[in-house]
Protein backbone atom coordinates (compact mmCIF):
# COMPACT_ATOMS: atom_id res chain seq x y z
CA UNK A 1 -1.55 -21.74 -11.76
CA UNK A 2 -5.06 -23.13 -11.54
CA UNK A 3 -7.86 -21.82 -13.73
CA UNK A 4 -9.61 -20.22 -10.76
CA UNK A 5 -6.36 -18.46 -9.81
CA UNK A 6 -6.00 -17.17 -13.36
CA UNK A 7 -9.54 -15.80 -13.22
CA UNK A 8 -8.79 -14.07 -9.90
CA UNK A 9 -5.60 -12.58 -11.30
CA UNK A 10 -7.38 -11.29 -14.39
CA UNK A 11 -10.02 -9.62 -12.20
CA UNK A 12 -7.41 -8.23 -9.80
CA UNK A 13 -5.53 -6.59 -12.67
CA UNK A 14 -8.62 -4.51 -13.46
CA UNK A 15 -8.57 -2.90 -10.00
CA UNK A 16 -7.26 0.61 -9.51
CA UNK A 17 -3.67 0.90 -8.22
CA UNK A 18 -4.65 1.52 -4.60
CA UNK A 19 -6.98 -1.49 -4.46
CA UNK A 20 -4.33 -3.68 -6.10
CA UNK A 21 -1.75 -2.54 -3.55
CA UNK A 22 -4.14 -3.28 -0.68
CA UNK A 23 -4.84 -6.73 -2.12
CA UNK A 24 -1.13 -7.45 -2.47
CA UNK A 25 -0.52 -6.33 1.10
CA UNK A 26 -3.33 -8.54 2.45
CA UNK A 27 -2.05 -11.55 0.54
CA UNK A 28 1.50 -10.94 1.68
CA UNK A 29 0.41 -10.59 5.30
CA UNK A 30 -1.36 -13.94 5.14
CA UNK A 31 2.01 -15.72 4.99
CA UNK A 32 3.47 -14.66 8.32
CA UNK A 33 1.32 -13.06 11.01
CA UNK A 34 4.21 -12.50 13.46
CA UNK A 35 6.25 -10.56 10.94
CA UNK A 36 3.15 -8.63 9.92
CA UNK A 37 2.49 -7.38 13.44
CA UNK A 38 6.12 -6.26 13.80
CA UNK A 39 6.03 -4.50 10.42
CA UNK A 40 2.68 -2.89 11.21
CA UNK A 41 4.18 -1.46 14.41
CA UNK A 42 7.17 -0.11 12.47
CA UNK A 43 4.96 1.43 9.79
CA UNK A 44 2.74 3.00 12.46
CA UNK A 45 5.80 4.57 14.09
CA UNK A 46 7.03 5.81 10.71
CA UNK A 47 3.63 7.27 9.88
CA UNK A 48 3.48 9.08 13.22
CA UNK A 49 6.98 10.41 12.63
CA UNK A 50 5.98 11.73 9.21
CA UNK A 51 2.81 13.32 10.58
CA UNK A 52 4.86 15.04 13.29
CA UNK A 53 7.37 16.30 10.68
CA UNK A 54 4.54 17.58 8.46
CA UNK A 55 2.87 19.40 11.36
CA UNK A 56 6.22 20.94 12.33
CA UNK A 57 6.70 22.22 8.77
CA UNK A 58 9.68 19.95 8.15
CA UNK A 59 7.95 17.92 5.46
CA UNK A 60 5.61 18.84 2.64
CA UNK A 61 2.67 16.91 1.22
CA UNK A 62 1.45 15.90 -2.24
CA UNK A 63 -2.10 15.26 -3.38
CA UNK A 64 -3.07 11.70 -4.29
CA UNK A 65 -3.58 12.91 -7.87
CA UNK A 66 -0.04 14.27 -8.03
CA UNK A 67 1.39 11.03 -6.62
CA UNK A 68 -0.51 8.86 -9.11
CA UNK A 69 0.60 11.11 -11.96
CA UNK A 70 4.21 10.90 -10.76
CA UNK A 71 4.20 7.10 -10.63
CA UNK A 72 2.37 6.80 -13.94
CA UNK A 73 -0.71 5.15 -12.47
CA UNK A 74 -3.11 7.14 -14.63
């Protein structure tokens, strides 16, 4: 790992969990654009399905604070 990469990593590790996850996702996507578009379409369909289930009362919701507490991100 180059020195500049080590510096970037050190700075990235200071980000909050959501920003780190978004950075990881952006880096991962940079490897294969075709796969990314297919996965984005699948995630969009899944998100719509979950929204529909929530609106129909078939699925509950949790606050961001509760989720972060549950995964130990605080």
